[in-house]
Amino acid sequence: GGYFRLPEVPLGINMSWRSIPRIT
């Protein structure tokens, strides 16, 4: 029942916090 979601791009901003390399 848990889930991950990143709302940033639909809000109009980039996903930051240096997280994209970790996710990739």
mmCIF file of all heavy atoms, coordinates in Angstrom:
data_MODEL
# 
_entry.id   MODEL 
# 
loop_
_atom_site.group_PDB 
_atom_site.id 
_atom_site.type_symbol 
_atom_site.label_atom_id 
_atom_site.label_alt_id 
_atom_site.label_comp_id 
_atom_site.label_asym_id 
_atom_site.label_entity_id 
_atom_site.label_seq_id 
_atom_site.pdbx_PDB_ins_code 
_atom_site.Cartn_x 
_atom_site.Cartn_y 
_atom_site.Cartn_z 
_atom_site.occupancy 
_atom_site.B_iso_or_equiv 
_atom_site.pdbx_formal_charge 
_atom_site.auth_seq_id 
_atom_site.auth_comp_id 
_atom_site.auth_asym_id 
_atom_site.auth_atom_id 
_atom_site.pdbx_PDB_model_num 
ATOM 1   N N   . GLY A 1 1  ? 0.803  -1.214 0.000   1.00 0.00 ? 1  GLY A N   1 
ATOM 2   C CA  . GLY A 1 1  ? 0.000  0.000  0.000   1.00 0.00 ? 1  GLY A CA  1 
ATOM 3   C C   . GLY A 1 1  ? 0.836  1.264  0.000   1.00 0.00 ? 1  GLY A C   1 
ATOM 4   O O   . GLY A 1 1  ? 0.316  2.358  -0.217  1.00 0.00 ? 1  GLY A O   1 
ATOM 5   N N   . GLY A 1 2  ? 2.133  1.130  0.219   1.00 0.00 ? 2  GLY A N   1 
ATOM 6   C CA  . GLY A 1 2  ? 3.017  2.285  0.168   1.00 0.00 ? 2  GLY A CA  1 
ATOM 7   C C   . GLY A 1 2  ? 3.352  2.667  -1.265  1.00 0.00 ? 2  GLY A C   1 
ATOM 8   O O   . GLY A 1 2  ? 3.174  1.876  -2.193  1.00 0.00 ? 2  GLY A O   1 
ATOM 9   N N   . TYR A 1 3  ? 3.859  3.873  -1.437  1.00 0.00 ? 3  TYR A N   1 
ATOM 10  C CA  . TYR A 1 3  ? 4.276  4.299  -2.773  1.00 0.00 ? 3  TYR A CA  1 
ATOM 11  C C   . TYR A 1 3  ? 5.214  5.499  -2.697  1.00 0.00 ? 3  TYR A C   1 
ATOM 12  O O   . TYR A 1 3  ? 5.226  6.245  -1.726  1.00 0.00 ? 3  TYR A O   1 
ATOM 13  C CB  . TYR A 1 3  ? 3.076  4.636  -3.657  1.00 0.00 ? 3  TYR A CB  1 
ATOM 14  C CG  . TYR A 1 3  ? 2.207  5.796  -3.185  1.00 0.00 ? 3  TYR A CG  1 
ATOM 15  C CD1 . TYR A 1 3  ? 2.472  7.107  -3.581  1.00 0.00 ? 3  TYR A CD1 1 
ATOM 16  C CD2 . TYR A 1 3  ? 1.108  5.582  -2.362  1.00 0.00 ? 3  TYR A CD2 1 
ATOM 17  C CE1 . TYR A 1 3  ? 1.676  8.160  -3.182  1.00 0.00 ? 3  TYR A CE1 1 
ATOM 18  C CE2 . TYR A 1 3  ? 0.307  6.631  -1.950  1.00 0.00 ? 3  TYR A CE2 1 
ATOM 19  C CZ  . TYR A 1 3  ? 0.594  7.915  -2.358  1.00 0.00 ? 3  TYR A CZ  1 
ATOM 20  O OH  . TYR A 1 3  ? -0.199 8.969  -1.935  1.00 0.00 ? 3  TYR A OH  1 
ATOM 21  N N   . PHE A 1 4  ? 6.013  5.630  -3.761  1.00 0.00 ? 4  PHE A N   1 
ATOM 22  C CA  . PHE A 1 4  ? 6.850  6.801  -3.986  1.00 0.00 ? 4  PHE A CA  1 
ATOM 23  C C   . PHE A 1 4  ? 6.175  7.692  -5.030  1.00 0.00 ? 4  PHE A C   1 
ATOM 24  O O   . PHE A 1 4  ? 5.558  7.189  -5.974  1.00 0.00 ? 4  PHE A O   1 
ATOM 25  C CB  . PHE A 1 4  ? 8.224  6.406  -4.544  1.00 0.00 ? 4  PHE A CB  1 
ATOM 26  C CG  . PHE A 1 4  ? 9.165  5.768  -3.562  1.00 0.00 ? 4  PHE A CG  1 
ATOM 27  C CD1 . PHE A 1 4  ? 9.985  4.717  -3.947  1.00 0.00 ? 4  PHE A CD1 1 
ATOM 28  C CD2 . PHE A 1 4  ? 9.270  6.237  -2.267  1.00 0.00 ? 4  PHE A CD2 1 
ATOM 29  C CE1 . PHE A 1 4  ? 10.880 4.135  -3.066  1.00 0.00 ? 4  PHE A CE1 1 
ATOM 30  C CE2 . PHE A 1 4  ? 10.161 5.660  -1.368  1.00 0.00 ? 4  PHE A CE2 1 
ATOM 31  C CZ  . PHE A 1 4  ? 10.955 4.609  -1.768  1.00 0.00 ? 4  PHE A CZ  1 
ATOM 32  N N   . ARG A 1 5  ? 6.338  9.002  -4.887  1.00 0.00 ? 5  ARG A N   1 
ATOM 33  C CA  . ARG A 1 5  ? 5.884  9.922  -5.944  1.00 0.00 ? 5  ARG A CA  1 
ATOM 34  C C   . ARG A 1 5  ? 6.674  11.218 -5.845  1.00 0.00 ? 5  ARG A C   1 
ATOM 35  O O   . ARG A 1 5  ? 6.918  11.727 -4.748  1.00 0.00 ? 5  ARG A O   1 
ATOM 36  C CB  . ARG A 1 5  ? 4.388  10.222 -5.839  1.00 0.00 ? 5  ARG A CB  1 
ATOM 37  C CG  . ARG A 1 5  ? 3.870  11.066 -7.015  1.00 0.00 ? 5  ARG A CG  1 
ATOM 38  C CD  . ARG A 1 5  ? 2.347  11.136 -7.038  1.00 0.00 ? 5  ARG A CD  1 
ATOM 39  N NE  . ARG A 1 5  ? 1.825  12.051 -6.055  1.00 0.00 ? 5  ARG A NE  1 
ATOM 40  C CZ  . ARG A 1 5  ? 1.674  13.377 -6.244  1.00 0.00 ? 5  ARG A CZ  1 
ATOM 41  N NH1 . ARG A 1 5  ? 2.042  13.911 -7.404  1.00 0.00 ? 5  ARG A NH1 1 
ATOM 42  N NH2 . ARG A 1 5  ? 1.179  14.136 -5.295  1.00 0.00 ? 5  ARG A NH2 1 
ATOM 43  N N   . LEU A 1 6  ? 7.059  11.734 -7.018  1.00 0.00 ? 6  LEU A N   1 
ATOM 44  C CA  . LEU A 1 6  ? 7.738  13.028 -7.104  1.00 0.00 ? 6  LEU A CA  1 
ATOM 45  C C   . LEU A 1 6  ? 6.820  14.014 -7.819  1.00 0.00 ? 6  LEU A C   1 
ATOM 46  O O   . LEU A 1 6  ? 6.622  13.909 -9.033  1.00 0.00 ? 6  LEU A O   1 
ATOM 47  C CB  . LEU A 1 6  ? 9.056  12.897 -7.879  1.00 0.00 ? 6  LEU A CB  1 
ATOM 48  C CG  . LEU A 1 6  ? 10.131 12.002 -7.281  1.00 0.00 ? 6  LEU A CG  1 
ATOM 49  C CD1 . LEU A 1 6  ? 11.380 12.015 -8.164  1.00 0.00 ? 6  LEU A CD1 1 
ATOM 50  C CD2 . LEU A 1 6  ? 10.488 12.422 -5.857  1.00 0.00 ? 6  LEU A CD2 1 
ATOM 51  N N   . PRO A 1 7  ? 6.252  14.988 -7.114  1.00 0.00 ? 7  PRO A N   1 
ATOM 52  C CA  . PRO A 1 7  ? 5.333  15.939 -7.751  1.00 0.00 ? 7  PRO A CA  1 
ATOM 53  C C   . PRO A 1 7  ? 6.007  17.147 -8.384  1.00 0.00 ? 7  PRO A C   1 
ATOM 54  O O   . PRO A 1 7  ? 5.332  18.011 -8.955  1.00 0.00 ? 7  PRO A O   1 
ATOM 55  C CB  . PRO A 1 7  ? 4.451  16.380 -6.583  1.00 0.00 ? 7  PRO A CB  1 
ATOM 56  C CG  . PRO A 1 7  ? 5.354  16.297 -5.394  1.00 0.00 ? 7  PRO A CG  1 
ATOM 57  C CD  . PRO A 1 7  ? 6.288  15.137 -5.653  1.00 0.00 ? 7  PRO A CD  1 
ATOM 58  N N   . GLU A 1 8  ? 7.335  17.229 -8.321  1.00 0.00 ? 8  GLU A N   1 
ATOM 59  C CA  . GLU A 1 8  ? 8.025  18.466 -8.682  1.00 0.00 ? 8  GLU A CA  1 
ATOM 60  C C   . GLU A 1 8  ? 7.804  18.896 -10.126 1.00 0.00 ? 8  GLU A C   1 
ATOM 61  O O   . GLU A 1 8  ? 7.433  20.056 -10.401 1.00 0.00 ? 8  GLU A O   1 
ATOM 62  C CB  . GLU A 1 8  ? 9.530  18.328 -8.397  1.00 0.00 ? 8  GLU A CB  1 
ATOM 63  C CG  . GLU A 1 8  ? 9.918  18.519 -6.947  1.00 0.00 ? 8  GLU A CG  1 
ATOM 64  C CD  . GLU A 1 8  ? 9.596  17.310 -6.074  1.00 0.00 ? 8  GLU A CD  1 
ATOM 65  O OE1 . GLU A 1 8  ? 9.146  16.262 -6.603  1.00 0.00 ? 8  GLU A OE1 1 
ATOM 66  O OE2 . GLU A 1 8  ? 9.785  17.415 -4.848  1.00 0.00 ? 8  GLU A OE2 1 
ATOM 67  N N   . VAL A 1 9  ? 8.080  18.020 -11.081 1.00 0.00 ? 9  VAL A N   1 
ATOM 68  C CA  . VAL A 1 9  ? 7.975  18.412 -12.490 1.00 0.00 ? 9  VAL A CA  1 
ATOM 69  C C   . VAL A 1 9  ? 6.550  18.847 -12.848 1.00 0.00 ? 9  VAL A C   1 
ATOM 70  O O   . VAL A 1 9  ? 6.368  19.898 -13.495 1.00 0.00 ? 9  VAL A O   1 
ATOM 71  C CB  . VAL A 1 9  ? 8.483  17.289 -13.412 1.00 0.00 ? 9  VAL A CB  1 
ATOM 72  C CG1 . VAL A 1 9  ? 8.134  17.583 -14.871 1.00 0.00 ? 9  VAL A CG1 1 
ATOM 73  C CG2 . VAL A 1 9  ? 10.005 17.144 -13.266 1.00 0.00 ? 9  VAL A CG2 1 
ATOM 74  N N   . PRO A 1 10 ? 5.508  18.117 -12.452 1.00 0.00 ? 10 PRO A N   1 
ATOM 75  C CA  . PRO A 1 10 ? 4.156  18.613 -12.719 1.00 0.00 ? 10 PRO A CA  1 
ATOM 76  C C   . PRO A 1 10 ? 3.843  19.951 -12.050 1.00 0.00 ? 10 PRO A C   1 
ATOM 77  O O   . PRO A 1 10 ? 2.932  20.665 -12.492 1.00 0.00 ? 10 PRO A O   1 
ATOM 78  C CB  . PRO A 1 10 ? 3.257  17.498 -12.172 1.00 0.00 ? 10 PRO A CB  1 
ATOM 79  C CG  . PRO A 1 10 ? 4.080  16.266 -12.303 1.00 0.00 ? 10 PRO A CG  1 
ATOM 80  C CD  . PRO A 1 10 ? 5.466  16.722 -11.966 1.00 0.00 ? 10 PRO A CD  1 
ATOM 81  N N   . LEU A 1 11 ? 4.580  20.297 -10.985 1.00 0.00 ? 11 LEU A N   1 
ATOM 82  C CA  . LEU A 1 11 ? 4.408  21.605 -10.361 1.00 0.00 ? 11 LEU A CA  1 
ATOM 83  C C   . LEU A 1 11 ? 5.142  22.709 -11.108 1.00 0.00 ? 11 LEU A C   1 
ATOM 84  O O   . LEU A 1 11 ? 4.943  23.884 -10.837 1.00 0.00 ? 11 LEU A O   1 
ATOM 85  C CB  . LEU A 1 11 ? 4.900  21.583 -8.906  1.00 0.00 ? 11 LEU A CB  1 
ATOM 86  C CG  . LEU A 1 11 ? 4.001  20.927 -7.863  1.00 0.00 ? 11 LEU A CG  1 
ATOM 87  C CD1 . LEU A 1 11 ? 4.725  20.850 -6.535  1.00 0.00 ? 11 LEU A CD1 1 
ATOM 88  C CD2 . LEU A 1 11 ? 2.697  21.693 -7.713  1.00 0.00 ? 11 LEU A CD2 1 
ATOM 89  N N   . GLY A 1 12 ? 6.044  22.319 -12.030 1.00 0.00 ? 12 GLY A N   1 
ATOM 90  C CA  . GLY A 1 12 ? 6.749  23.319 -12.820 1.00 0.00 ? 12 GLY A CA  1 
ATOM 91  C C   . GLY A 1 12 ? 8.192  23.540 -12.422 1.00 0.00 ? 12 GLY A C   1 
ATOM 92  O O   . GLY A 1 12 ? 8.820  24.496 -12.893 1.00 0.00 ? 12 GLY A O   1 
ATOM 93  N N   . ILE A 1 13 ? 8.732  22.687 -11.538 1.00 0.00 ? 13 ILE A N   1 
ATOM 94  C CA  . ILE A 1 13 ? 10.130 22.832 -11.138 1.00 0.00 ? 13 ILE A CA  1 
ATOM 95  C C   . ILE A 1 13 ? 10.871 21.517 -11.398 1.00 0.00 ? 13 ILE A C   1 
ATOM 96  O O   . ILE A 1 13 ? 10.262 20.474 -11.603 1.00 0.00 ? 13 ILE A O   1 
ATOM 97  C CB  . ILE A 1 13 ? 10.285 23.214 -9.646  1.00 0.00 ? 13 ILE A CB  1 
ATOM 98  C CG1 . ILE A 1 13 ? 9.530  22.230 -8.748  1.00 0.00 ? 13 ILE A CG1 1 
ATOM 99  C CG2 . ILE A 1 13 ? 9.826  24.632 -9.410  1.00 0.00 ? 13 ILE A CG2 1 
ATOM 100 C CD1 . ILE A 1 13 ? 9.709  22.493 -7.268  1.00 0.00 ? 13 ILE A CD1 1 
ATOM 101 N N   . ASN A 1 14 ? 12.202 21.609 -11.409 1.00 0.00 ? 14 ASN A N   1 
ATOM 102 C CA  . ASN A 1 14 ? 13.007 20.404 -11.595 1.00 0.00 ? 14 ASN A CA  1 
ATOM 103 C C   . ASN A 1 14 ? 13.073 19.610 -10.298 1.00 0.00 ? 14 ASN A C   1 
ATOM 104 O O   . ASN A 1 14 ? 12.858 20.154 -9.204  1.00 0.00 ? 14 ASN A O   1 
ATOM 105 C CB  . ASN A 1 14 ? 14.425 20.764 -12.045 1.00 0.00 ? 14 ASN A CB  1 
ATOM 106 C CG  . ASN A 1 14 ? 15.200 21.496 -10.965 1.00 0.00 ? 14 ASN A CG  1 
ATOM 107 O OD1 . ASN A 1 14 ? 14.713 22.484 -10.391 1.00 0.00 ? 14 ASN A OD1 1 
ATOM 108 N ND2 . ASN A 1 14 ? 16.402 21.026 -10.659 1.00 0.00 ? 14 ASN A ND2 1 
ATOM 109 N N   . MET A 1 15 ? 13.381 18.323 -10.396 1.00 0.00 ? 15 MET A N   1 
ATOM 110 C CA  . MET A 1 15 ? 13.649 17.520 -9.200  1.00 0.00 ? 15 MET A CA  1 
ATOM 111 C C   . MET A 1 15 ? 15.099 17.743 -8.822  1.00 0.00 ? 15 MET A C   1 
ATOM 112 O O   . MET A 1 15 ? 16.007 17.434 -9.593  1.00 0.00 ? 15 MET A O   1 
ATOM 113 C CB  . MET A 1 15 ? 13.383 16.034 -9.466  1.00 0.00 ? 15 MET A CB  1 
ATOM 114 C CG  . MET A 1 15 ? 13.620 15.161 -8.233  1.00 0.00 ? 15 MET A CG  1 
ATOM 115 S SD  . MET A 1 15 ? 12.582 15.678 -6.840  1.00 0.00 ? 15 MET A SD  1 
ATOM 116 C CE  . MET A 1 15 ? 13.494 15.020 -5.448  1.00 0.00 ? 15 MET A CE  1 
ATOM 117 N N   . SER A 1 16 ? 15.322 18.280 -7.632  1.00 0.00 ? 16 SER A N   1 
ATOM 118 C CA  . SER A 1 16 ? 16.681 18.618 -7.219  1.00 0.00 ? 16 SER A CA  1 
ATOM 119 C C   . SER A 1 16 ? 17.096 17.749 -6.030  1.00 0.00 ? 16 SER A C   1 
ATOM 120 O O   . SER A 1 16 ? 16.847 16.552 -6.013  1.00 0.00 ? 16 SER A O   1 
ATOM 121 C CB  . SER A 1 16 ? 16.780 20.112 -6.912  1.00 0.00 ? 16 SER A CB  1 
ATOM 122 O OG  . SER A 1 16 ? 15.813 20.504 -5.967  1.00 0.00 ? 16 SER A OG  1 
ATOM 123 N N   . TRP A 1 17 ? 17.752 18.351 -5.062  1.00 0.00 ? 17 TRP A N   1 
ATOM 124 C CA  . TRP A 1 17 ? 18.270 17.674 -3.872  1.00 0.00 ? 17 TRP A CA  1 
ATOM 125 C C   . TRP A 1 17 ? 19.292 16.600 -4.246  1.00 0.00 ? 17 TRP A C   1 
ATOM 126 O O   . TRP A 1 17 ? 19.490 15.651 -3.507  1.00 0.00 ? 17 TRP A O   1 
ATOM 127 C CB  . TRP A 1 17 ? 17.142 17.087 -3.022  1.00 0.00 ? 17 TRP A CB  1 
ATOM 128 C CG  . TRP A 1 17 ? 16.331 18.131 -2.302  1.00 0.00 ? 17 TRP A CG  1 
ATOM 129 C CD1 . TRP A 1 17 ? 16.237 19.452 -2.642  1.00 0.00 ? 17 TRP A CD1 1 
ATOM 130 C CD2 . TRP A 1 17 ? 15.493 17.948 -1.169  1.00 0.00 ? 17 TRP A CD2 1 
ATOM 131 N NE1 . TRP A 1 17 ? 15.396 20.103 -1.786  1.00 0.00 ? 17 TRP A NE1 1 
ATOM 132 C CE2 . TRP A 1 17 ? 14.917 19.209 -0.866  1.00 0.00 ? 17 TRP A CE2 1 
ATOM 133 C CE3 . TRP A 1 17 ? 15.168 16.861 -0.384  1.00 0.00 ? 17 TRP A CE3 1 
ATOM 134 C CZ2 . TRP A 1 17 ? 14.044 19.387 0.198   1.00 0.00 ? 17 TRP A CZ2 1 
ATOM 135 C CZ3 . TRP A 1 17 ? 14.286 17.043 0.686   1.00 0.00 ? 17 TRP A CZ3 1 
ATOM 136 C CH2 . TRP A 1 17 ? 13.733 18.288 0.974   1.00 0.00 ? 17 TRP A CH2 1 
ATOM 137 N N   . ARG A 1 18 ? 19.922 16.753 -5.445  1.00 0.00 ? 18 ARG A N   1 
ATOM 138 C CA  . ARG A 1 18 ? 20.976 15.831 -5.890  1.00 0.00 ? 18 ARG A CA  1 
ATOM 139 C C   . ARG A 1 18 ? 20.493 14.381 -5.945  1.00 0.00 ? 18 ARG A C   1 
ATOM 140 O O   . ARG A 1 18 ? 21.278 13.436 -5.757  1.00 0.00 ? 18 ARG A O   1 
ATOM 141 C CB  . ARG A 1 18 ? 22.201 15.949 -4.967  1.00 0.00 ? 18 ARG A CB  1 
ATOM 142 C CG  . ARG A 1 18 ? 22.675 17.405 -4.729  1.00 0.00 ? 18 ARG A CG  1 
ATOM 143 C CD  . ARG A 1 18 ? 23.521 17.914 -5.868  1.00 0.00 ? 18 ARG A CD  1 
ATOM 144 N NE  . ARG A 1 18 ? 23.727 19.357 -5.851  1.00 0.00 ? 18 ARG A NE  1 
ATOM 145 C CZ  . ARG A 1 18 ? 24.742 19.977 -5.243  1.00 0.00 ? 18 ARG A CZ  1 
ATOM 146 N NH1 . ARG A 1 18 ? 25.629 19.282 -4.550  1.00 0.00 ? 18 ARG A NH1 1 
ATOM 147 N NH2 . ARG A 1 18 ? 24.881 21.280 -5.338  1.00 0.00 ? 18 ARG A NH2 1 
ATOM 148 N N   . SER A 1 19 ? 19.203 14.188 -6.176  1.00 0.00 ? 19 SER A N   1 
ATOM 149 C CA  . SER A 1 19 ? 18.609 12.856 -6.056  1.00 0.00 ? 19 SER A CA  1 
ATOM 150 C C   . SER A 1 19 ? 18.587 12.058 -7.354  1.00 0.00 ? 19 SER A C   1 
ATOM 151 O O   . SER A 1 19 ? 18.520 10.822 -7.318  1.00 0.00 ? 19 SER A O   1 
ATOM 152 C CB  . SER A 1 19 ? 17.184 12.971 -5.520  1.00 0.00 ? 19 SER A CB  1 
ATOM 153 O OG  . SER A 1 19 ? 16.404 13.799 -6.368  1.00 0.00 ? 19 SER A OG  1 
ATOM 154 N N   . ILE A 1 20 ? 18.637 12.721 -8.510  1.00 0.00 ? 20 ILE A N   1 
ATOM 155 C CA  . ILE A 1 20 ? 18.480 11.991 -9.772  1.00 0.00 ? 20 ILE A CA  1 
ATOM 156 C C   . ILE A 1 20 ? 19.577 10.947 -9.987  1.00 0.00 ? 20 ILE A C   1 
ATOM 157 O O   . ILE A 1 20 ? 19.272 9.815  -10.404 1.00 0.00 ? 20 ILE A O   1 
ATOM 158 C CB  . ILE A 1 20 ? 18.361 12.975 -10.949 1.00 0.00 ? 20 ILE A CB  1 
ATOM 159 C CG1 . ILE A 1 20 ? 16.979 13.647 -10.904 1.00 0.00 ? 20 ILE A CG1 1 
ATOM 160 C CG2 . ILE A 1 20 ? 18.561 12.265 -12.290 1.00 0.00 ? 20 ILE A CG2 1 
ATOM 161 C CD1 . ILE A 1 20 ? 16.717 14.632 -12.013 1.00 0.00 ? 20 ILE A CD1 1 
ATOM 162 N N   . PRO A 1 21 ? 20.852 11.234 -9.710  1.00 0.00 ? 21 PRO A N   1 
ATOM 163 C CA  . PRO A 1 21 ? 21.848 10.168 -9.869  1.00 0.00 ? 21 PRO A CA  1 
ATOM 164 C C   . PRO A 1 21 ? 21.577 8.967  -8.968  1.00 0.00 ? 21 PRO A C   1 
ATOM 165 O O   . PRO A 1 21 ? 21.790 7.815  -9.366  1.00 0.00 ? 21 PRO A O   1 
ATOM 166 C CB  . PRO A 1 21 ? 23.168 10.849 -9.516  1.00 0.00 ? 21 PRO A CB  1 
ATOM 167 C CG  . PRO A 1 21 ? 22.928 12.295 -9.761  1.00 0.00 ? 21 PRO A CG  1 
ATOM 168 C CD  . PRO A 1 21 ? 21.504 12.520 -9.386  1.00 0.00 ? 21 PRO A CD  1 
ATOM 169 N N   . ARG A 1 22 ? 21.122 9.216  -7.743  1.00 0.00 ? 22 ARG A N   1 
ATOM 170 C CA  . ARG A 1 22 ? 20.827 8.104  -6.837  1.00 0.00 ? 22 ARG A CA  1 
ATOM 171 C C   . ARG A 1 22 ? 19.664 7.264  -7.370  1.00 0.00 ? 22 ARG A C   1 
ATOM 172 O O   . ARG A 1 22 ? 19.693 6.031  -7.320  1.00 0.00 ? 22 ARG A O   1 
ATOM 173 C CB  . ARG A 1 22 ? 20.498 8.638  -5.440  1.00 0.00 ? 22 ARG A CB  1 
ATOM 174 C CG  . ARG A 1 22 ? 21.644 9.377  -4.761  1.00 0.00 ? 22 ARG A CG  1 
ATOM 175 C CD  . ARG A 1 22 ? 21.267 9.757  -3.333  1.00 0.00 ? 22 ARG A CD  1 
ATOM 176 N NE  . ARG A 1 22 ? 22.343 10.511 -2.676  1.00 0.00 ? 22 ARG A NE  1 
ATOM 177 C CZ  . ARG A 1 22 ? 22.282 11.811 -2.396  1.00 0.00 ? 22 ARG A CZ  1 
ATOM 178 N NH1 . ARG A 1 22 ? 21.198 12.508 -2.698  1.00 0.00 ? 22 ARG A NH1 1 
ATOM 179 N NH2 . ARG A 1 22 ? 23.300 12.415 -1.803  1.00 0.00 ? 22 ARG A NH2 1 
ATOM 180 N N   . ILE A 1 23 ? 18.638 7.934  -7.867  1.00 0.00 ? 23 ILE A N   1 
ATOM 181 C CA  . ILE A 1 23 ? 17.487 7.207  -8.404  1.00 0.00 ? 23 ILE A CA  1 
ATOM 182 C C   . ILE A 1 23 ? 17.886 6.417  -9.648  1.00 0.00 ? 23 ILE A C   1 
ATOM 183 O O   . ILE A 1 23 ? 17.501 5.249  -9.815  1.00 0.00 ? 23 ILE A O   1 
ATOM 184 C CB  . ILE A 1 23 ? 16.336 8.184  -8.713  1.00 0.00 ? 23 ILE A CB  1 
ATOM 185 C CG1 . ILE A 1 23 ? 15.840 8.851  -7.431  1.00 0.00 ? 23 ILE A CG1 1 
ATOM 186 C CG2 . ILE A 1 23 ? 15.180 7.456  -9.404  1.00 0.00 ? 23 ILE A CG2 1 
ATOM 187 C CD1 . ILE A 1 23 ? 14.887 10.004 -7.656  1.00 0.00 ? 23 ILE A CD1 1 
ATOM 188 N N   . THR A 1 24 ? 18.679 7.037  -10.516 1.00 0.00 ? 24 THR A N   1 
ATOM 189 C CA  . THR A 1 24 ? 19.131 6.356  -11.732 1.00 0.00 ? 24 THR A CA  1 
ATOM 190 C C   . THR A 1 24 ? 19.948 5.113  -11.383 1.00 0.00 ? 24 THR A C   1 
ATOM 191 O O   . THR A 1 24 ? 19.794 4.058  -12.016 1.00 0.00 ? 24 THR A O   1 
ATOM 192 C CB  . THR A 1 24 ? 19.968 7.301  -12.598 1.00 0.00 ? 24 THR A CB  1 
ATOM 193 O OG1 . THR A 1 24 ? 19.187 8.466  -12.910 1.00 0.00 ? 24 THR A OG1 1 
ATOM 194 C CG2 . THR A 1 24 ? 20.393 6.634  -13.893 1.00 0.00 ? 24 THR A CG2 1 
# 
